[in-house]
Amino acid sequence: MLIVDITTQRWYYREVEMPLSGKEMLKIYLKNGWIKISQKGSHVKVKRGDLIEVIPLHKELKKGLELKLLKRVKESKVVS
């Protein structure tokens, strides 16, 4: 089971199981202070300050998108 710590992006056995679904990613964003602002179909827009991100509510997110979204959560903690 491959796991990533979203605060350090280090891979180990803890916190977030990879690959994530869109719903799981949305939960991570909401727990970190992001607010759901709209939804159109299977895509949800979330906002924190001036930052806006679109999260697809797919069964399984692709690796690159998943890492990008996790990186954005980490960066938003530093900015805010």
N, C-alpha and C. Protein backbone atom coordinates (compact mmCIF):
# COMPACT_ATOMS: atom_id res chain seq x y z
N MET A 1 0.84 -1.18 0.00
CA MET A 1 0.00 0.00 0.00
C MET A 1 0.89 1.25 0.00
N LEU A 2 0.79 2.05 -1.05
CA LEU A 2 1.61 3.25 -1.21
C LEU A 2 0.88 4.44 -0.62
N ILE A 3 1.54 5.15 0.28
CA ILE A 3 0.93 6.26 1.00
C ILE A 3 1.81 7.51 0.87
N VAL A 4 1.17 8.69 0.84
CA VAL A 4 1.92 9.94 0.79
C VAL A 4 1.48 10.84 1.94
N ASP A 5 2.44 11.50 2.57
CA ASP A 5 2.15 12.50 3.60
C ASP A 5 1.99 13.82 2.86
N ILE A 6 0.79 14.41 2.90
CA ILE A 6 0.54 15.61 2.11
C ILE A 6 1.31 16.83 2.60
N THR A 7 1.81 16.80 3.83
CA THR A 7 2.55 17.96 4.32
C THR A 7 3.99 17.97 3.83
N THR A 8 4.59 16.80 3.63
CA THR A 8 5.98 16.74 3.18
C THR A 8 6.13 16.09 1.82
N GLN A 9 5.07 15.50 1.28
CA GLN A 9 5.05 14.77 0.02
C GLN A 9 6.06 13.61 0.05
N ARG A 10 6.26 13.03 1.21
CA ARG A 10 7.12 11.86 1.32
C ARG A 10 6.25 10.62 1.32
N TRP A 11 6.71 9.61 0.62
CA TRP A 11 5.94 8.37 0.49
C TRP A 11 6.24 7.45 1.66
N TYR A 12 5.21 7.07 2.39
CA TYR A 12 5.34 6.06 3.42
C TYR A 12 3.97 5.59 3.85
N TYR A 13 3.92 4.68 4.79
CA TYR A 13 2.66 4.05 5.19
C TYR A 13 1.93 4.87 6.24
N ARG A 14 1.15 5.85 5.78
CA ARG A 14 0.39 6.70 6.70
C ARG A 14 -0.50 7.68 5.95
N GLU A 15 -1.52 8.18 6.58
CA GLU A 15 -2.41 9.27 6.14
C GLU A 15 -3.21 9.03 4.88
N VAL A 16 -2.65 9.17 3.69
CA VAL A 16 -3.44 9.17 2.47
C VAL A 16 -3.04 8.00 1.57
N GLU A 17 -3.99 7.13 1.27
CA GLU A 17 -3.70 6.00 0.40
C GLU A 17 -3.79 6.44 -1.06
N MET A 18 -2.81 6.02 -1.86
CA MET A 18 -2.77 6.38 -3.27
C MET A 18 -3.26 5.20 -4.09
N PRO A 19 -3.98 5.33 -5.16
CA PRO A 19 -4.53 6.57 -5.71
C PRO A 19 -5.81 6.98 -5.00
N LEU A 20 -6.06 8.25 -4.99
CA LEU A 20 -7.24 8.81 -4.34
C LEU A 20 -8.39 8.95 -5.33
N SER A 21 -9.59 8.93 -4.81
CA SER A 21 -10.76 9.26 -5.64
C SER A 21 -10.97 10.78 -5.55
N GLY A 22 -11.79 11.30 -6.42
CA GLY A 22 -12.10 12.73 -6.38
C GLY A 22 -12.78 13.13 -5.08
N LYS A 23 -13.66 12.26 -4.56
CA LYS A 23 -14.34 12.56 -3.30
C LYS A 23 -13.36 12.63 -2.14
N GLU A 24 -12.37 11.72 -2.13
CA GLU A 24 -11.36 11.74 -1.07
C GLU A 24 -10.52 13.01 -1.15
N MET A 25 -10.17 13.42 -2.37
CA MET A 25 -9.39 14.64 -2.56
C MET A 25 -10.19 15.86 -2.10
N LEU A 26 -11.48 15.89 -2.40
CA LEU A 26 -12.33 16.99 -1.97
C LEU A 26 -12.36 17.07 -0.45
N LYS A 27 -12.44 15.94 0.23
CA LYS A 27 -12.43 15.92 1.70
C LYS A 27 -11.14 16.53 2.24
N ILE A 28 -10.00 16.21 1.61
CA ILE A 28 -8.71 16.76 2.04
C ILE A 28 -8.73 18.27 1.91
N TYR A 29 -9.23 18.78 0.79
CA TYR A 29 -9.30 20.22 0.58
C TYR A 29 -10.21 20.89 1.62
N LEU A 30 -11.38 20.31 1.85
CA LEU A 30 -12.32 20.91 2.80
C LEU A 30 -11.76 20.91 4.21
N LYS A 31 -11.04 19.85 4.60
CA LYS A 31 -10.42 19.79 5.93
C LYS A 31 -9.32 20.82 6.10
N ASN A 32 -8.73 21.26 4.98
CA ASN A 32 -7.64 22.24 5.03
C ASN A 32 -8.11 23.66 4.78
N GLY A 33 -9.40 23.93 4.99
CA GLY A 33 -9.90 25.29 4.96
C GLY A 33 -10.40 25.79 3.62
N TRP A 34 -10.46 24.94 2.60
CA TRP A 34 -11.00 25.33 1.30
C TRP A 34 -12.51 25.29 1.37
N ILE A 35 -13.17 26.13 0.58
CA ILE A 35 -14.63 26.22 0.57
C ILE A 35 -15.14 25.81 -0.81
N LYS A 36 -16.16 24.96 -0.83
CA LYS A 36 -16.78 24.55 -2.09
C LYS A 36 -17.61 25.71 -2.61
N ILE A 37 -17.30 26.19 -3.83
CA ILE A 37 -18.04 27.34 -4.35
C ILE A 37 -19.03 26.97 -5.45
N SER A 38 -18.77 25.90 -6.19
CA SER A 38 -19.73 25.49 -7.22
C SER A 38 -19.43 24.08 -7.70
N GLN A 39 -20.40 23.51 -8.39
CA GLN A 39 -20.22 22.20 -9.00
C GLN A 39 -20.96 22.17 -10.32
N LYS A 40 -20.31 21.65 -11.35
CA LYS A 40 -20.94 21.49 -12.65
C LYS A 40 -20.61 20.08 -13.12
N GLY A 41 -21.61 19.23 -13.11
CA GLY A 41 -21.39 17.83 -13.47
C GLY A 41 -20.53 17.15 -12.42
N SER A 42 -19.43 16.54 -12.86
CA SER A 42 -18.56 15.83 -11.93
C SER A 42 -17.35 16.64 -11.51
N HIS A 43 -17.38 17.95 -11.72
CA HIS A 43 -16.25 18.81 -11.35
C HIS A 43 -16.69 19.83 -10.30
N VAL A 44 -15.91 19.91 -9.22
CA VAL A 44 -16.21 20.81 -8.11
C VAL A 44 -15.15 21.90 -8.05
N LYS A 45 -15.58 23.16 -7.91
CA LYS A 45 -14.65 24.28 -7.71
C LYS A 45 -14.56 24.55 -6.23
N VAL A 46 -13.32 24.67 -5.73
CA VAL A 46 -13.08 25.04 -4.34
C VAL A 46 -12.19 26.27 -4.31
N LYS A 47 -12.31 27.04 -3.22
CA LYS A 47 -11.60 28.31 -3.12
C LYS A 47 -11.02 28.48 -1.72
N ARG A 48 -9.85 29.10 -1.68
CA ARG A 48 -9.24 29.51 -0.41
C ARG A 48 -8.48 30.79 -0.69
N GLY A 49 -8.97 31.88 -0.16
CA GLY A 49 -8.37 33.18 -0.45
C GLY A 49 -8.52 33.51 -1.92
N ASP A 50 -7.41 33.79 -2.59
CA ASP A 50 -7.44 34.07 -4.03
C ASP A 50 -7.24 32.82 -4.88
N LEU A 51 -6.98 31.70 -4.24
CA LEU A 51 -6.71 30.45 -4.97
C LEU A 51 -8.01 29.72 -5.30
N ILE A 52 -8.12 29.24 -6.53
CA ILE A 52 -9.26 28.44 -6.96
C ILE A 52 -8.73 27.17 -7.61
N GLU A 53 -9.34 26.05 -7.30
CA GLU A 53 -8.94 24.77 -7.87
C GLU A 53 -10.19 24.00 -8.28
N VAL A 54 -10.07 23.22 -9.35
CA VAL A 54 -11.16 22.37 -9.82
C VAL A 54 -10.78 20.93 -9.54
N ILE A 55 -11.67 20.22 -8.85
CA ILE A 55 -11.42 18.82 -8.51
C ILE A 55 -12.45 17.94 -9.22
N PRO A 56 -11.99 17.04 -10.09
CA PRO A 56 -12.93 16.12 -10.74
C PRO A 56 -13.32 15.02 -9.77
N LEU A 57 -14.60 14.72 -9.69
CA LEU A 57 -15.08 13.68 -8.77
C LEU A 57 -15.07 12.32 -9.46
N HIS A 58 -13.92 11.94 -9.98
CA HIS A 58 -13.79 10.67 -10.66
C HIS A 58 -13.49 9.56 -9.66
N LYS A 59 -13.71 8.32 -10.09
CA LYS A 59 -13.48 7.15 -9.23
C LYS A 59 -12.02 7.09 -8.77
N GLU A 60 -11.11 7.38 -9.69
CA GLU A 60 -9.69 7.34 -9.38
C GLU A 60 -8.99 8.46 -10.15
N LEU A 61 -8.23 9.29 -9.45
CA LEU A 61 -7.51 10.38 -10.11
C LEU A 61 -6.20 9.85 -10.68
N LYS A 62 -5.79 10.40 -11.80
CA LYS A 62 -4.51 10.00 -12.39
C LYS A 62 -3.37 10.55 -11.54
N LYS A 63 -2.24 9.88 -11.60
CA LYS A 63 -1.09 10.19 -10.74
C LYS A 63 -0.66 11.65 -10.80
N GLY A 64 -0.50 12.20 -12.01
CA GLY A 64 -0.03 13.58 -12.15
C GLY A 64 -0.99 14.59 -11.56
N LEU A 65 -2.28 14.42 -11.83
CA LEU A 65 -3.30 15.33 -11.29
C LEU A 65 -3.36 15.21 -9.77
N GLU A 66 -3.29 13.99 -9.28
CA GLU A 66 -3.34 13.76 -7.84
C GLU A 66 -2.19 14.47 -7.13
N LEU A 67 -0.98 14.34 -7.65
CA LEU A 67 0.18 14.98 -7.03
C LEU A 67 0.09 16.50 -7.13
N LYS A 68 -0.43 17.01 -8.25
CA LYS A 68 -0.60 18.46 -8.42
C LYS A 68 -1.57 19.00 -7.38
N LEU A 69 -2.70 18.30 -7.19
CA LEU A 69 -3.70 18.75 -6.22
C LEU A 69 -3.15 18.69 -4.80
N LEU A 70 -2.41 17.62 -4.47
CA LEU A 70 -1.82 17.52 -3.13
C LEU A 70 -0.78 18.61 -2.90
N LYS A 71 -0.01 18.93 -3.95
CA LYS A 71 0.98 20.00 -3.85
C LYS A 71 0.30 21.34 -3.60
N ARG A 72 -0.84 21.56 -4.26
CA ARG A 72 -1.58 22.82 -4.11
C ARG A 72 -2.09 22.98 -2.68
N VAL A 73 -2.54 21.88 -2.07
CA VAL A 73 -2.99 21.94 -0.68
C VAL A 73 -1.83 22.32 0.22
N LYS A 74 -0.67 21.70 -0.02
CA LYS A 74 0.52 22.00 0.78
C LYS A 74 0.93 23.46 0.64
N GLU A 75 0.92 23.97 -0.61
CA GLU A 75 1.29 25.37 -0.85
C GLU A 75 0.32 26.34 -0.21
N SER A 76 -0.96 25.99 -0.20
CA SER A 76 -1.96 26.89 0.38
C SER A 76 -1.80 27.01 1.88
N LYS A 77 -1.24 25.99 2.52
CA LYS A 77 -0.98 26.08 3.97
C LYS A 77 0.11 27.11 4.24
N VAL A 78 1.12 27.18 3.36
CA VAL A 78 2.23 28.12 3.51
C VAL A 78 1.75 29.53 3.24
N VAL A 79 0.92 29.71 2.20
CA VAL A 79 0.44 31.04 1.80
C VAL A 79 -0.48 31.63 2.86
N SER A 80 -1.38 30.80 3.40
CA SER A 80 -2.38 31.33 4.34
C SER A 80 -1.87 31.40 5.75
